[in-house]
Amino acid sequence: MLAYHIFTLIIATVVTILIGSLWYSPLMFGKQWMHMMGFTAEHMEKAKQKRMAPTYAWAFVFSLVHVFLVYILFLSGFELVGVFAIWVGFSLPIFSNAVLWEGKPWKFFFIQAGCSLVSTAFVFEILRIFLLSVWG
């Protein structure tokens, strides 16, 4: 049973990384995000060549922490609405700092917060589907 829980957490972590990769790709919001960050295509290419392995490793670790926190909420009996309320209480103030203190446009806020919200909802649903299938 523990192995199944660990497997579920890893699946949800990989899905979180895939959502972020798609979210910040040119297919969705990547170009706008790069522009608001002041990055050029050349800058991104240099960054890819220098430090992509550590970046993906840290992304996996941070995504796993995110998934584990949602897992704890799930095991504590929270429903998706409760997880959303906690996301609003913690994530929105953090994402709004970029607008309030760094002068980023609200569009930047919505891109960042949107990715976090979508990832959190997917993680919760993955946990619900996988774990409830075991518990019946």
Protein backbone atom coordinates (compact mmCIF):
# COMPACT_ATOMS: atom_id res chain seq x y z
CA MET A 1 0.00 0.00 0.00
CA LEU A 2 2.84 2.42 0.83
CA ALA A 3 4.44 1.71 -2.55
CA TYR A 4 1.16 2.62 -4.26
CA HIS A 5 1.02 5.93 -2.37
CA ILE A 6 4.61 6.72 -3.32
CA PHE A 7 3.88 5.78 -6.94
CA THR A 8 0.85 8.10 -6.91
CA LEU A 9 2.91 10.96 -5.49
CA ILE A 10 5.55 10.51 -8.18
CA ILE A 11 2.92 10.41 -10.95
CA ALA A 12 1.34 13.61 -9.61
CA THR A 13 4.78 15.25 -9.41
CA VAL A 14 5.57 14.39 -13.03
CA VAL A 15 2.16 15.72 -14.11
CA THR A 16 2.88 18.98 -12.25
CA ILE A 17 6.16 19.38 -14.13
CA LEU A 18 4.45 18.60 -17.44
CA ILE A 19 1.76 21.19 -16.73
CA GLY A 20 4.42 23.80 -15.96
CA SER A 21 6.39 22.89 -19.07
CA LEU A 22 3.30 23.27 -21.24
CA TRP A 23 2.10 26.40 -19.42
CA TYR A 24 5.39 28.22 -19.96
CA SER A 25 5.92 26.92 -23.50
CA PRO A 26 5.35 29.08 -26.60
CA LEU A 27 2.09 27.15 -27.10
CA MET A 28 0.55 28.85 -24.08
CA PHE A 29 2.12 31.68 -22.07
CA GLY A 30 5.86 31.26 -22.61
CA LYS A 31 6.34 34.20 -24.94
CA GLN A 32 4.39 36.60 -22.74
CA TRP A 33 6.18 35.38 -19.62
CA MET A 34 9.61 35.76 -21.26
CA HIS A 35 8.73 39.29 -22.36
CA MET A 36 7.54 40.30 -18.87
CA MET A 37 10.69 38.79 -17.32
CA GLY A 38 12.88 40.66 -19.80
CA PHE A 39 14.31 37.45 -21.26
CA THR A 40 15.27 36.96 -24.89
CA ALA A 41 15.45 33.72 -26.86
CA GLU A 42 19.24 33.95 -26.68
CA HIS A 43 19.09 34.32 -22.90
CA MET A 44 16.90 31.21 -22.66
CA GLU A 45 19.24 29.20 -24.88
CA LYS A 46 22.24 30.12 -22.74
CA ALA A 47 20.31 29.20 -19.60
CA LYS A 48 19.38 25.83 -21.10
CA GLN A 49 23.01 25.07 -21.90
CA LYS A 50 24.31 26.10 -18.48
CA ARG A 51 21.99 24.79 -15.83
CA MET A 52 19.07 22.72 -17.03
CA ALA A 53 19.87 19.53 -15.09
CA PRO A 54 19.92 21.28 -11.69
CA THR A 55 16.86 23.31 -12.66
CA TYR A 56 14.84 20.18 -13.46
CA ALA A 57 16.11 18.46 -10.31
CA TRP A 58 14.95 21.38 -8.16
CA ALA A 59 11.68 21.57 -10.08
CA PHE A 60 11.10 17.91 -9.25
CA VAL A 61 11.90 18.44 -5.55
CA PHE A 62 9.67 21.51 -5.25
CA SER A 63 6.86 19.81 -7.17
CA LEU A 64 7.15 16.78 -4.90
CA VAL A 65 6.83 19.04 -1.84
CA HIS A 66 3.76 20.68 -3.40
CA VAL A 67 2.23 17.27 -4.15
CA PHE A 68 3.01 16.01 -0.65
CA LEU A 69 1.28 19.01 0.94
CA VAL A 70 -1.82 18.43 -1.18
CA TYR A 71 -1.58 14.72 -0.23
CA ILE A 72 -1.62 15.63 3.47
CA LEU A 73 -4.68 17.84 2.89
CA PHE A 74 -6.35 15.01 0.99
CA LEU A 75 -5.67 12.50 3.78
CA SER A 76 -6.97 15.04 6.30
CA GLY A 77 -10.35 14.99 4.58
CA PHE A 78 -10.13 18.23 2.62
CA GLU A 79 -12.14 18.44 -0.55
CA LEU A 80 -11.04 20.39 -3.62
CA VAL A 81 -12.85 23.50 -2.32
CA GLY A 82 -10.83 23.38 0.91
CA VAL A 83 -7.59 22.94 -1.01
CA PHE A 84 -8.60 25.92 -3.17
CA ALA A 85 -9.22 28.03 -0.04
CA ILE A 86 -5.78 27.19 1.30
CA TRP A 87 -4.27 27.95 -2.12
CA VAL A 88 -5.99 31.37 -2.05
CA GLY A 89 -4.70 32.08 1.44
CA PHE A 90 -1.08 31.17 0.75
CA SER A 91 -0.40 31.33 -2.97
CA LEU A 92 -2.24 34.48 -3.99
CA PRO A 93 -0.38 36.74 -1.54
CA ILE A 94 2.94 35.32 -2.75
CA PHE A 95 2.11 35.75 -6.44
CA SER A 96 0.73 39.24 -5.89
CA ASN A 97 4.11 40.39 -4.53
CA ALA A 98 5.48 40.45 -8.08
CA VAL A 99 2.83 43.04 -8.98
CA LEU A 100 2.85 45.02 -5.75
CA TRP A 101 6.59 45.19 -5.11
CA GLU A 102 8.34 44.39 -8.38
CA GLY A 103 6.10 46.36 -10.71
CA LYS A 104 5.13 43.37 -12.85
CA PRO A 105 1.83 43.65 -14.74
CA TRP A 106 -1.26 41.84 -13.50
CA LYS A 107 -1.00 39.58 -16.55
CA PHE A 108 2.22 38.22 -15.02
CA PHE A 109 0.32 37.50 -11.81
CA PHE A 110 -2.41 35.62 -13.68
CA ILE A 111 0.11 33.53 -15.61
CA GLN A 112 1.99 32.54 -12.45
CA ALA A 113 -1.06 32.03 -10.25
CA GLY A 114 -2.95 30.23 -13.02
CA CYS A 115 -0.23 27.63 -13.42
CA SER A 116 -0.16 27.05 -9.69
CA LEU A 117 -3.94 26.73 -9.47
CA VAL A 118 -4.21 24.33 -12.41
CA SER A 119 -1.34 22.22 -11.05
CA THR A 120 -2.91 22.08 -7.59
CA ALA A 121 -6.29 21.04 -8.99
CA PHE A 122 -4.72 18.33 -11.14
CA VAL A 123 -2.69 17.01 -8.20
CA PHE A 124 -5.78 16.82 -6.02
CA GLU A 125 -7.76 15.00 -8.70
CA ILE A 126 -4.91 12.56 -9.40
CA LEU A 127 -4.69 11.76 -5.69
CA ARG A 128 -8.46 11.41 -5.44
CA ILE A 129 -8.70 9.08 -8.43
CA PHE A 130 -5.68 6.91 -7.60
CA LEU A 131 -6.15 6.68 -3.85
CA LEU A 132 -9.92 6.27 -3.81
CA SER A 133 -9.57 3.43 -6.32
CA VAL A 134 -7.50 1.60 -3.70
CA TRP A 135 -9.73 2.47 -0.75
CA GLY A 136 -12.95 1.83 -2.63
